[in-house]
Amino acid sequence: MIGITQETLRHWRRALPSLGGLRGHAPVFRPGQLLGLAVVRVLVEDLGLTVGALRSAERDIFDICSSPQWIRLAQGHLLVRPIAGKVTFVDTISDSDLDSPAILLPLEPIVTTLRLALLEVAPEEAQQSLAFPPVDVTERRAAGSGKA
């Protein structure tokens, strides 16, 4: 769903304390944790940061992503300062936000992709739709047997 391998997830669980509490054979993630993982994936795989560089800021990432207001999150950005080890959520960007090196990460594409993936996981219907409409077979039997 997030687009990472099991081995990558294992490594991230060891490196990021926010994921350390997940136990069992098949960990169950809360929506905020999934969003946090998706953000980490973009920062690591798309932007080239290391998981180690995010270690001091990961609590901020997962705290922000645990907000139930995904619509608001999708309208803002994460301001990532890997050197300072800080991540903040910003609705609007001011000049003072960019007074030191930072990565401005729009959350809209990440939230949208994850929401669509979560909606696709819906359980299948108990009865599948037929590919063609049902037909009354009683008339055909009578016509096929030669009886009128």
N, C-alpha and C. Protein backbone atom coordinates (compact mmCIF):
# COMPACT_ATOMS: atom_id res chain seq x y z
N MET A 1 0.83 -1.19 0.00
CA MET A 1 0.00 0.00 0.00
C MET A 1 0.88 1.26 0.00
N ILE A 2 1.96 1.21 0.75
CA ILE A 2 2.86 2.36 0.83
C ILE A 2 3.91 2.29 -0.27
N GLY A 3 4.20 1.10 -0.73
CA GLY A 3 5.20 0.95 -1.78
C GLY A 3 6.60 0.68 -1.27
N ILE A 4 6.69 0.01 -0.12
CA ILE A 4 8.00 -0.38 0.40
C ILE A 4 8.03 -1.88 0.63
N THR A 5 9.22 -2.44 0.64
CA THR A 5 9.36 -3.88 0.83
C THR A 5 9.28 -4.22 2.32
N GLN A 6 9.08 -5.50 2.61
CA GLN A 6 9.07 -5.98 4.00
C GLN A 6 10.41 -5.69 4.68
N GLU A 7 11.48 -5.88 3.93
CA GLU A 7 12.81 -5.65 4.50
C GLU A 7 13.00 -4.17 4.84
N THR A 8 12.53 -3.28 3.99
CA THR A 8 12.61 -1.85 4.26
C THR A 8 11.78 -1.51 5.50
N LEU A 9 10.59 -2.09 5.61
CA LEU A 9 9.74 -1.85 6.77
C LEU A 9 10.43 -2.32 8.04
N ARG A 10 11.06 -3.48 8.01
CA ARG A 10 11.79 -3.98 9.18
C ARG A 10 12.90 -3.01 9.59
N HIS A 11 13.64 -2.52 8.61
CA HIS A 11 14.71 -1.57 8.90
C HIS A 11 14.15 -0.28 9.50
N TRP A 12 13.08 0.23 8.93
CA TRP A 12 12.49 1.46 9.43
C TRP A 12 11.92 1.27 10.83
N ARG A 13 11.37 0.09 11.12
CA ARG A 13 10.84 -0.17 12.46
C ARG A 13 11.96 -0.13 13.49
N ARG A 14 13.15 -0.60 13.11
CA ARG A 14 14.29 -0.54 14.03
C ARG A 14 14.82 0.88 14.17
N ALA A 15 14.78 1.65 13.09
CA ALA A 15 15.38 2.99 13.08
C ALA A 15 14.44 4.08 13.62
N LEU A 16 13.14 3.88 13.49
CA LEU A 16 12.18 4.91 13.87
C LEU A 16 11.36 4.45 15.08
N PRO A 17 11.59 5.03 16.25
CA PRO A 17 10.88 4.61 17.46
C PRO A 17 9.35 4.67 17.36
N SER A 18 8.81 5.55 16.53
CA SER A 18 7.34 5.65 16.39
C SER A 18 6.73 4.36 15.85
N LEU A 19 7.53 3.54 15.20
CA LEU A 19 7.03 2.27 14.65
C LEU A 19 7.42 1.09 15.52
N GLY A 20 8.15 1.32 16.59
CA GLY A 20 8.67 0.24 17.42
C GLY A 20 7.63 -0.55 18.17
N GLY A 21 6.45 0.02 18.44
CA GLY A 21 5.44 -0.68 19.22
C GLY A 21 4.64 -1.70 18.43
N LEU A 22 4.91 -1.85 17.15
CA LEU A 22 4.14 -2.78 16.33
C LEU A 22 4.68 -4.18 16.52
N ARG A 23 3.84 -5.06 16.99
CA ARG A 23 4.25 -6.44 17.26
C ARG A 23 3.38 -7.42 16.48
N GLY A 24 3.81 -8.65 16.45
CA GLY A 24 3.02 -9.69 15.82
C GLY A 24 3.52 -10.03 14.43
N HIS A 25 2.89 -11.03 13.84
CA HIS A 25 3.29 -11.49 12.52
C HIS A 25 2.90 -10.49 11.43
N ALA A 26 1.71 -9.93 11.55
CA ALA A 26 1.24 -8.97 10.55
C ALA A 26 0.86 -7.69 11.29
N PRO A 27 1.76 -6.71 11.33
CA PRO A 27 1.46 -5.49 12.07
C PRO A 27 0.25 -4.76 11.49
N VAL A 28 -0.51 -4.19 12.38
CA VAL A 28 -1.67 -3.42 11.99
C VAL A 28 -1.32 -1.96 12.21
N PHE A 29 -1.47 -1.16 11.18
CA PHE A 29 -1.11 0.24 11.25
C PHE A 29 -2.35 1.09 11.39
N ARG A 30 -2.26 2.11 12.20
CA ARG A 30 -3.31 3.12 12.26
C ARG A 30 -3.15 4.01 11.03
N PRO A 31 -4.23 4.69 10.60
CA PRO A 31 -4.13 5.55 9.41
C PRO A 31 -3.02 6.58 9.51
N GLY A 32 -2.81 7.18 10.68
CA GLY A 32 -1.75 8.16 10.85
C GLY A 32 -0.37 7.57 10.66
N GLN A 33 -0.19 6.32 11.10
CA GLN A 33 1.09 5.65 10.90
C GLN A 33 1.33 5.37 9.42
N LEU A 34 0.26 4.99 8.71
CA LEU A 34 0.40 4.77 7.27
C LEU A 34 0.78 6.06 6.55
N LEU A 35 0.15 7.16 6.95
CA LEU A 35 0.48 8.44 6.34
C LEU A 35 1.92 8.83 6.68
N GLY A 36 2.33 8.60 7.92
CA GLY A 36 3.71 8.87 8.31
C GLY A 36 4.70 8.05 7.53
N LEU A 37 4.37 6.76 7.33
CA LEU A 37 5.23 5.90 6.51
C LEU A 37 5.31 6.40 5.07
N ALA A 38 4.18 6.86 4.55
CA ALA A 38 4.18 7.37 3.17
C ALA A 38 5.04 8.63 3.07
N VAL A 39 4.99 9.48 4.07
CA VAL A 39 5.83 10.69 4.08
C VAL A 39 7.30 10.30 4.16
N VAL A 40 7.63 9.36 5.04
CA VAL A 40 9.02 8.91 5.16
C VAL A 40 9.49 8.30 3.84
N ARG A 41 8.62 7.52 3.18
CA ARG A 41 9.00 6.93 1.90
C ARG A 41 9.35 8.01 0.87
N VAL A 42 8.54 9.06 0.80
CA VAL A 42 8.83 10.14 -0.14
C VAL A 42 10.15 10.83 0.21
N LEU A 43 10.35 11.11 1.48
CA LEU A 43 11.58 11.78 1.90
C LEU A 43 12.82 10.94 1.64
N VAL A 44 12.70 9.63 1.85
CA VAL A 44 13.86 8.75 1.69
C VAL A 44 14.06 8.35 0.23
N GLU A 45 13.02 7.81 -0.39
CA GLU A 45 13.19 7.25 -1.72
C GLU A 45 13.12 8.29 -2.83
N ASP A 46 12.29 9.31 -2.69
CA ASP A 46 12.16 10.30 -3.75
C ASP A 46 13.12 11.47 -3.59
N LEU A 47 13.38 11.87 -2.33
CA LEU A 47 14.22 13.05 -2.10
C LEU A 47 15.63 12.72 -1.62
N GLY A 48 15.91 11.45 -1.35
CA GLY A 48 17.27 11.03 -1.05
C GLY A 48 17.76 11.21 0.37
N LEU A 49 16.88 11.53 1.32
CA LEU A 49 17.31 11.60 2.70
C LEU A 49 17.51 10.19 3.24
N THR A 50 18.29 10.07 4.28
CA THR A 50 18.44 8.76 4.92
C THR A 50 17.47 8.68 6.09
N VAL A 51 17.14 7.47 6.48
CA VAL A 51 16.26 7.28 7.63
C VAL A 51 16.96 7.83 8.87
N GLY A 52 18.28 7.68 8.94
CA GLY A 52 19.03 8.22 10.06
C GLY A 52 18.92 9.73 10.17
N ALA A 53 18.85 10.42 9.04
CA ALA A 53 18.70 11.87 9.04
C ALA A 53 17.33 12.29 9.56
N LEU A 54 16.35 11.39 9.48
CA LEU A 54 15.00 11.70 9.95
C LEU A 54 14.75 11.27 11.39
N ARG A 55 15.71 10.57 11.97
CA ARG A 55 15.51 10.00 13.30
C ARG A 55 15.08 11.04 14.34
N SER A 56 15.73 12.19 14.37
CA SER A 56 15.38 13.19 15.38
C SER A 56 14.07 13.91 15.06
N ALA A 57 13.61 13.83 13.83
CA ALA A 57 12.39 14.52 13.43
C ALA A 57 11.20 13.58 13.26
N GLU A 58 11.43 12.29 13.40
CA GLU A 58 10.35 11.34 13.08
C GLU A 58 9.16 11.47 14.02
N ARG A 59 9.38 11.84 15.28
CA ARG A 59 8.25 12.02 16.21
C ARG A 59 7.33 13.12 15.68
N ASP A 60 7.92 14.21 15.18
CA ASP A 60 7.12 15.30 14.61
C ASP A 60 6.32 14.81 13.41
N ILE A 61 6.96 14.03 12.55
CA ILE A 61 6.28 13.52 11.35
C ILE A 61 5.05 12.70 11.74
N PHE A 62 5.25 11.74 12.65
CA PHE A 62 4.15 10.85 13.00
C PHE A 62 3.09 11.55 13.85
N ASP A 63 3.48 12.55 14.65
CA ASP A 63 2.48 13.32 15.40
C ASP A 63 1.60 14.13 14.45
N ILE A 64 2.22 14.79 13.49
CA ILE A 64 1.45 15.58 12.51
C ILE A 64 0.54 14.66 11.69
N CYS A 65 1.08 13.54 11.23
CA CYS A 65 0.31 12.64 10.37
C CYS A 65 -0.80 11.90 11.12
N SER A 66 -0.75 11.89 12.45
CA SER A 66 -1.80 11.20 13.21
C SER A 66 -3.06 12.05 13.35
N SER A 67 -3.04 13.26 12.82
CA SER A 67 -4.23 14.10 12.86
C SER A 67 -5.35 13.46 12.04
N PRO A 68 -6.56 13.43 12.58
CA PRO A 68 -7.67 12.86 11.81
C PRO A 68 -8.18 13.80 10.72
N GLN A 69 -7.66 15.01 10.67
CA GLN A 69 -8.12 16.01 9.70
C GLN A 69 -7.28 15.95 8.43
N TRP A 70 -7.42 14.86 7.68
CA TRP A 70 -6.63 14.68 6.47
C TRP A 70 -6.93 15.73 5.41
N ILE A 71 -8.14 16.27 5.41
CA ILE A 71 -8.47 17.31 4.43
C ILE A 71 -7.61 18.54 4.70
N ARG A 72 -7.47 18.91 5.97
CA ARG A 72 -6.62 20.04 6.32
C ARG A 72 -5.17 19.74 6.00
N LEU A 73 -4.71 18.53 6.33
CA LEU A 73 -3.33 18.15 6.02
C LEU A 73 -3.06 18.26 4.52
N ALA A 74 -4.02 17.82 3.72
CA ALA A 74 -3.83 17.84 2.26
C ALA A 74 -3.72 19.26 1.72
N GLN A 75 -4.18 20.23 2.48
CA GLN A 75 -4.12 21.62 2.02
C GLN A 75 -2.83 22.32 2.45
N GLY A 76 -1.98 21.61 3.22
CA GLY A 76 -0.77 22.23 3.72
C GLY A 76 0.49 21.50 3.28
N HIS A 77 1.57 21.85 3.94
CA HIS A 77 2.89 21.31 3.62
C HIS A 77 3.61 20.91 4.91
N LEU A 78 4.55 20.00 4.77
CA LEU A 78 5.48 19.74 5.85
C LEU A 78 6.74 20.54 5.56
N LEU A 79 7.20 21.25 6.54
CA LEU A 79 8.45 21.98 6.44
C LEU A 79 9.48 21.14 7.19
N VAL A 80 10.34 20.47 6.43
CA VAL A 80 11.29 19.51 6.98
C VAL A 80 12.65 20.18 7.07
N ARG A 81 13.20 20.19 8.27
CA ARG A 81 14.54 20.73 8.50
C ARG A 81 15.40 19.61 9.06
N PRO A 82 15.99 18.80 8.17
CA PRO A 82 16.74 17.63 8.63
C PRO A 82 17.95 17.99 9.50
N ILE A 83 18.60 19.10 9.22
CA ILE A 83 19.78 19.49 10.00
C ILE A 83 19.37 19.83 11.43
N ALA A 84 18.28 20.54 11.58
CA ALA A 84 17.79 20.91 12.92
C ALA A 84 17.00 19.78 13.57
N GLY A 85 16.61 18.78 12.78
CA GLY A 85 15.82 17.67 13.31
C GLY A 85 14.40 18.06 13.64
N LYS A 86 13.82 18.96 12.83
CA LYS A 86 12.46 19.43 13.10
C LYS A 86 11.60 19.32 11.85
N VAL A 87 10.34 19.02 12.09
CA VAL A 87 9.34 19.01 11.03
C VAL A 87 8.12 19.74 11.58
N THR A 88 7.60 20.68 10.81
CA THR A 88 6.40 21.40 11.22
C THR A 88 5.40 21.40 10.08
N PHE A 89 4.13 21.51 10.44
CA PHE A 89 3.06 21.61 9.45
C PHE A 89 2.80 23.09 9.22
N VAL A 90 2.73 23.50 7.96
CA VAL A 90 2.44 24.89 7.64
C VAL A 90 1.29 24.96 6.64
N ASP A 91 0.33 25.85 6.95
CA ASP A 91 -0.78 26.10 6.03
C ASP A 91 -0.33 27.05 4.93
N THR A 92 0.35 28.10 5.34
CA THR A 92 0.88 29.09 4.41
C THR A 92 2.36 29.26 4.69
N ILE A 93 3.09 29.66 3.69
CA ILE A 93 4.54 29.77 3.81
C ILE A 93 4.93 31.23 3.85
N SER A 94 5.71 31.57 4.85
CA SER A 94 6.22 32.94 4.95
C SER A 94 7.73 32.93 4.74
N ASP A 95 8.30 34.11 4.56
CA ASP A 95 9.74 34.21 4.37
C ASP A 95 10.51 33.70 5.59
N SER A 96 9.95 33.89 6.77
CA SER A 96 10.64 33.44 7.98
C SER A 96 10.71 31.92 8.07
N ASP A 97 9.77 31.22 7.39
CA ASP A 97 9.82 29.75 7.36
C ASP A 97 11.02 29.24 6.59
N LEU A 98 11.49 30.05 5.66
CA LEU A 98 12.56 29.60 4.78
C LEU A 98 13.87 30.34 5.04
N ASP A 99 14.11 30.68 6.32
CA ASP A 99 15.34 31.39 6.66
C ASP A 99 16.53 30.46 6.85
N SER A 100 16.30 29.16 6.82
CA SER A 100 17.38 28.18 6.91
C SER A 100 17.06 27.04 5.95
N PRO A 101 18.05 26.20 5.63
CA PRO A 101 17.79 25.12 4.68
C PRO A 101 16.61 24.24 5.13
N ALA A 102 15.70 23.99 4.20
CA ALA A 102 14.51 23.22 4.51
C ALA A 102 13.96 22.57 3.25
N ILE A 103 13.16 21.55 3.47
CA ILE A 103 12.44 20.88 2.38
C ILE A 103 10.97 21.18 2.60
N LEU A 104 10.31 21.68 1.59
CA LEU A 104 8.89 21.96 1.66
C LEU A 104 8.16 20.84 0.92
N LEU A 105 7.46 20.01 1.67
CA LEU A 105 6.82 18.82 1.11
C LEU A 105 5.31 19.00 1.09
N PRO A 106 4.71 19.15 -0.11
CA PRO A 106 3.25 19.24 -0.18
C PRO A 106 2.63 17.89 0.19
N LEU A 107 1.62 17.94 1.05
CA LEU A 107 0.99 16.70 1.52
C LEU A 107 -0.15 16.23 0.63
N GLU A 108 -0.67 17.10 -0.22
CA GLU A 108 -1.84 16.74 -1.03
C GLU A 108 -1.63 15.48 -1.87
N PRO A 109 -0.54 15.34 -2.62
CA PRO A 109 -0.40 14.11 -3.41
C PRO A 109 -0.24 12.86 -2.55
N ILE A 110 0.40 12.98 -1.42
CA ILE A 110 0.60 11.82 -0.54
C ILE A 110 -0.72 11.40 0.08
N VAL A 111 -1.48 12.37 0.60
CA VAL A 111 -2.77 12.07 1.22
C VAL A 111 -3.74 11.50 0.19
N THR A 112 -3.80 12.08 -0.99
CA THR A 112 -4.71 11.60 -2.03
C THR A 112 -4.39 10.16 -2.43
N THR A 113 -3.12 9.87 -2.66
CA THR A 113 -2.72 8.52 -3.06
C THR A 113 -3.06 7.51 -1.98
N LEU A 114 -2.78 7.86 -0.72
CA LEU A 114 -3.06 6.93 0.37
C LEU A 114 -4.56 6.74 0.58
N ARG A 115 -5.33 7.80 0.48
CA ARG A 115 -6.79 7.67 0.63
C ARG A 115 -7.36 6.75 -0.44
N LEU A 116 -6.91 6.89 -1.67
CA LEU A 116 -7.39 6.01 -2.74
C LEU A 116 -6.99 4.56 -2.48
N ALA A 117 -5.77 4.34 -2.00
CA ALA A 117 -5.32 2.98 -1.70
C ALA A 117 -6.14 2.38 -0.57
N LEU A 118 -6.46 3.17 0.44
CA LEU A 118 -7.26 2.66 1.56
C LEU A 118 -8.69 2.34 1.12
N LEU A 119 -9.23 3.12 0.21
CA LEU A 119 -10.59 2.86 -0.27
C LEU A 119 -10.67 1.60 -1.13
N GLU A 120 -9.57 1.25 -1.79
CA GLU A 120 -9.56 0.04 -2.62
C GLU A 120 -9.51 -1.23 -1.80
N VAL A 121 -9.22 -1.13 -0.52
CA VAL A 121 -9.08 -2.30 0.34
C VAL A 121 -10.43 -2.74 0.89
N ALA A 122 -11.51 -2.14 0.45
CA ALA A 122 -12.84 -2.49 0.93
C ALA A 122 -13.12 -3.96 0.67
N PRO A 123 -13.83 -4.62 1.60
CA PRO A 123 -14.13 -6.04 1.41
C PRO A 123 -15.02 -6.27 0.19
N GLU A 124 -14.84 -7.43 -0.42
CA GLU A 124 -15.64 -7.76 -1.59
C GLU A 124 -17.07 -8.02 -1.19
N GLU A 125 -17.97 -7.84 -2.14
CA GLU A 125 -19.38 -8.12 -1.89
C GLU A 125 -19.57 -9.60 -1.69
N ALA A 126 -20.59 -9.96 -0.90
CA ALA A 126 -20.87 -11.38 -0.65
C ALA A 126 -21.29 -12.09 -1.94
N GLN A 127 -21.99 -11.38 -2.80
CA GLN A 127 -22.42 -11.98 -4.06
C GLN A 127 -21.94 -11.09 -5.20
N GLN A 128 -21.25 -11.69 -6.13
CA GLN A 128 -20.72 -10.94 -7.26
C GLN A 128 -21.82 -10.66 -8.28
N SER A 129 -21.70 -9.57 -9.00
CA SER A 129 -22.65 -9.23 -10.05
C SER A 129 -22.46 -10.17 -11.23
N LEU A 130 -23.54 -10.48 -11.90
CA LEU A 130 -23.46 -11.32 -13.09
C LEU A 130 -22.99 -10.49 -14.28
N ALA A 131 -22.27 -11.13 -15.18
CA ALA A 131 -21.76 -10.42 -16.35
C ALA A 131 -22.87 -10.17 -17.37
N PHE A 132 -23.97 -10.89 -17.27
CA PHE A 132 -25.09 -10.73 -18.19
C PHE A 132 -26.38 -10.86 -17.38
N PRO A 133 -27.51 -10.34 -17.91
CA PRO A 133 -28.74 -10.35 -17.12
C PRO A 133 -29.31 -11.76 -16.99
N PRO A 134 -30.05 -12.05 -15.91
CA PRO A 134 -30.68 -13.36 -15.76
C PRO A 134 -31.78 -13.56 -16.81
N VAL A 135 -31.98 -14.80 -17.20
CA VAL A 135 -32.98 -15.15 -18.21
C VAL A 135 -33.90 -16.20 -17.62
N ASP A 136 -35.21 -16.09 -17.88
CA ASP A 136 -36.18 -17.08 -17.41
C ASP A 136 -36.03 -18.33 -18.25
N VAL A 137 -35.66 -19.44 -17.65
CA VAL A 137 -35.40 -20.68 -18.39
C VAL A 137 -36.64 -21.55 -18.52
N THR A 138 -37.72 -21.24 -17.86
CA THR A 138 -38.91 -22.08 -17.96
C THR A 138 -39.51 -22.05 -19.35
N GLU A 139 -39.49 -20.92 -20.04
CA GLU A 139 -40.03 -20.83 -21.40
C GLU A 139 -39.16 -21.62 -22.36
N ARG A 140 -37.87 -21.62 -22.20
CA ARG A 140 -36.97 -22.35 -23.09
C ARG A 140 -37.15 -23.85 -22.96
N ARG A 141 -37.35 -24.34 -21.77
CA ARG A 141 -37.54 -25.78 -21.56
C ARG A 141 -38.79 -26.26 -22.29
N ALA A 142 -39.83 -25.49 -22.15
CA ALA A 142 -41.08 -25.87 -22.80
C ALA A 142 -40.93 -25.86 -24.32
N ALA A 143 -40.22 -24.90 -24.88
CA ALA A 143 -40.06 -24.82 -26.33
C ALA A 143 -39.10 -25.90 -26.81
N GLY A 144 -38.11 -26.26 -26.03
CA GLY A 144 -37.12 -27.25 -26.43
C GLY A 144 -37.62 -28.67 -26.35
N SER A 145 -38.62 -28.95 -25.56
CA SER A 145 -39.11 -30.33 -25.39
C SER A 145 -40.16 -30.69 -26.43
N GLY A 146 -40.62 -29.73 -27.21
CA GLY A 146 -41.62 -30.03 -28.23
C GLY A 146 -43.03 -29.99 -27.69
N LYS A 147 -43.20 -29.73 -26.41
CA LYS A 147 -44.53 -29.64 -25.82
C LYS A 147 -45.00 -28.21 -25.89
N ALA A 148 -46.31 -28.04 -26.13
CA ALA A 148 -46.85 -26.71 -26.22
C ALA A 148 -47.78 -26.41 -25.10
